[in-house]
């Protein structure tokens, strides 16, 4: 089941590879900025960063998944 999800994410990455590095970097910077503040942290940027990293890693692993 997880392999099929990774294959689907790798196809998504192959079509939109130029977007995900920027989404990851911007969201991880915003998440770190939110965590450093003394107010309660807003975790949505960290979730976006983790999902974009998952899509990037699925795209990197995609040649091995299609064998």
C-alpha atoms as a PDB file:
ATOM      1  CA  UNK A   1       0.000   0.000   0.000  1.00  0.00           C
ATOM      2  CA  UNK A   2       2.728   2.479   0.916  1.00  0.00           C
ATOM      3  CA  UNK A   3       4.679   1.613  -2.231  1.00  0.00           C
ATOM      4  CA  UNK A   4       1.672   2.550  -4.362  1.00  0.00           C
ATOM      5  CA  UNK A   5       1.400   5.865  -2.496  1.00  0.00           C
ATOM      6  CA  UNK A   6       5.115   6.482  -3.090  1.00  0.00           C
ATOM      7  CA  UNK A   7       4.677   5.711  -6.805  1.00  0.00           C
ATOM      8  CA  UNK A   8       1.809   8.167  -7.012  1.00  0.00           C
ATOM      9  CA  UNK A   9       3.856  10.836  -5.233  1.00  0.00           C
ATOM     10  CA  UNK A  10       6.812  10.183  -7.524  1.00  0.00           C
ATOM     11  CA  UNK A  11       4.650  10.782 -10.585  1.00  0.00           C
ATOM     12  CA  UNK A  12       3.431  14.012  -8.982  1.00  0.00           C
ATOM     13  CA  UNK A  13       7.045  14.999  -8.335  1.00  0.00           C
ATOM     14  CA  UNK A  14       8.112  14.233 -11.896  1.00  0.00           C
ATOM     15  CA  UNK A  15       5.484  16.644 -13.210  1.00  0.00           C
ATOM     16  CA  UNK A  16       6.093  19.413 -10.643  1.00  0.00           C
ATOM     17  CA  UNK A  17       9.759  18.999  -9.670  1.00  0.00           C
ATOM     18  CA  UNK A  18      10.559  22.717  -9.855  1.00  0.00           C
ATOM     19  CA  UNK A  19       8.024  23.719  -7.168  1.00  0.00           C
ATOM     20  CA  UNK A  20       8.873  21.404  -4.255  1.00  0.00           C
ATOM     21  CA  UNK A  21      12.364  22.641  -3.301  1.00  0.00           C
ATOM     22  CA  UNK A  22      11.064  26.192  -2.974  1.00  0.00           C
ATOM     23  CA  UNK A  23       8.023  25.068  -0.990  1.00  0.00           C
ATOM     24  CA  UNK A  24      10.249  23.058   1.343  1.00  0.00           C
ATOM     25  CA  UNK A  25      12.771  25.828   1.993  1.00  0.00           C
ATOM     26  CA  UNK A  26      10.203  28.578   2.493  1.00  0.00           C
ATOM     27  CA  UNK A  27       8.016  26.490   4.783  1.00  0.00           C
ATOM     28  CA  UNK A  28      10.918  25.189   6.901  1.00  0.00           C
ATOM     29  CA  UNK A  29      12.212  28.745   7.391  1.00  0.00           C
ATOM     30  CA  UNK A  30       8.742  29.923   8.393  1.00  0.00           C
ATOM     31  CA  UNK A  31       8.337  26.934  10.752  1.00  0.00           C
ATOM     32  CA  UNK A  32      11.651  27.665  12.473  1.00  0.00           C
ATOM     33  CA  UNK A  33      10.669  31.315  12.792  1.00  0.00           C
ATOM     34  CA  UNK A  34       7.379  30.303  14.397  1.00  0.00           C
ATOM     35  CA  UNK A  35       9.075  27.893  16.825  1.00  0.00           C
ATOM     36  CA  UNK A  36      11.600  30.480  18.006  1.00  0.00           C
ATOM     37  CA  UNK A  37       8.897  32.934  19.073  1.00  0.00           C
ATOM     38  CA  UNK A  38       7.654  32.722  22.649  1.00  0.00           C
ATOM     39  CA  UNK A  39       4.010  32.470  21.635  1.00  0.00           C
ATOM     40  CA  UNK A  40       2.430  29.072  21.006  1.00  0.00           C
ATOM     41  CA  UNK A  41       3.780  27.634  17.770  1.00  0.00           C
ATOM     42  CA  UNK A  42       1.633  27.277  14.669  1.00  0.00           C
ATOM     43  CA  UNK A  43       2.556  23.857  13.212  1.00  0.00           C
ATOM     44  CA  UNK A  44       1.053  24.173   9.721  1.00  0.00           C
ATOM     45  CA  UNK A  45       4.382  25.271   8.094  1.00  0.00           C
ATOM     46  CA  UNK A  46       6.154  22.271   9.640  1.00  0.00           C
ATOM     47  CA  UNK A  47       3.531  19.925   8.208  1.00  0.00           C
ATOM     48  CA  UNK A  48       3.854  21.543   4.775  1.00  0.00           C
ATOM     49  CA  UNK A  49       7.646  21.180   4.973  1.00  0.00           C
ATOM     50  CA  UNK A  50       7.396  17.513   5.904  1.00  0.00           C
ATOM     51  CA  UNK A  51       4.944  16.737   3.082  1.00  0.00           C
ATOM     52  CA  UNK A  52       7.085  18.554   0.527  1.00  0.00           C
ATOM     53  CA  UNK A  53      10.163  16.654   1.747  1.00  0.00           C
ATOM     54  CA  UNK A  54       8.204  13.400   1.392  1.00  0.00           C
ATOM     55  CA  UNK A  55       7.336  14.278  -2.202  1.00  0.00           C
ATOM     56  CA  UNK A  56      10.959  15.192  -2.986  1.00  0.00           C
ATOM     57  CA  UNK A  57      12.238  11.913  -1.538  1.00  0.00           C
ATOM     58  CA  UNK A  58       9.570   9.939  -3.398  1.00  0.00           C
ATOM     59  CA  UNK A  59      10.726  11.568  -6.620  1.00  0.00           C
ATOM     60  CA  UNK A  60      14.342  10.696  -5.913  1.00  0.00           C
ATOM     61  CA  UNK A  61      13.439   7.082  -5.130  1.00  0.00           C
ATOM     62  CA  UNK A  62      11.106   6.760  -8.117  1.00  0.00           C
ATOM     63  CA  UNK A  63      13.574   5.059 -10.500  1.00  0.00           C
ATOM     64  CA  UNK A  64      14.007   2.258  -7.953  1.00  0.00           C
ATOM     65  CA  UNK A  65      10.238   1.893  -7.497  1.00  0.00           C
ATOM     66  CA  UNK A  66       9.494   1.272 -11.155  1.00  0.00           C
ATOM     67  CA  UNK A  67      11.857  -1.714 -11.514  1.00  0.00           C
END
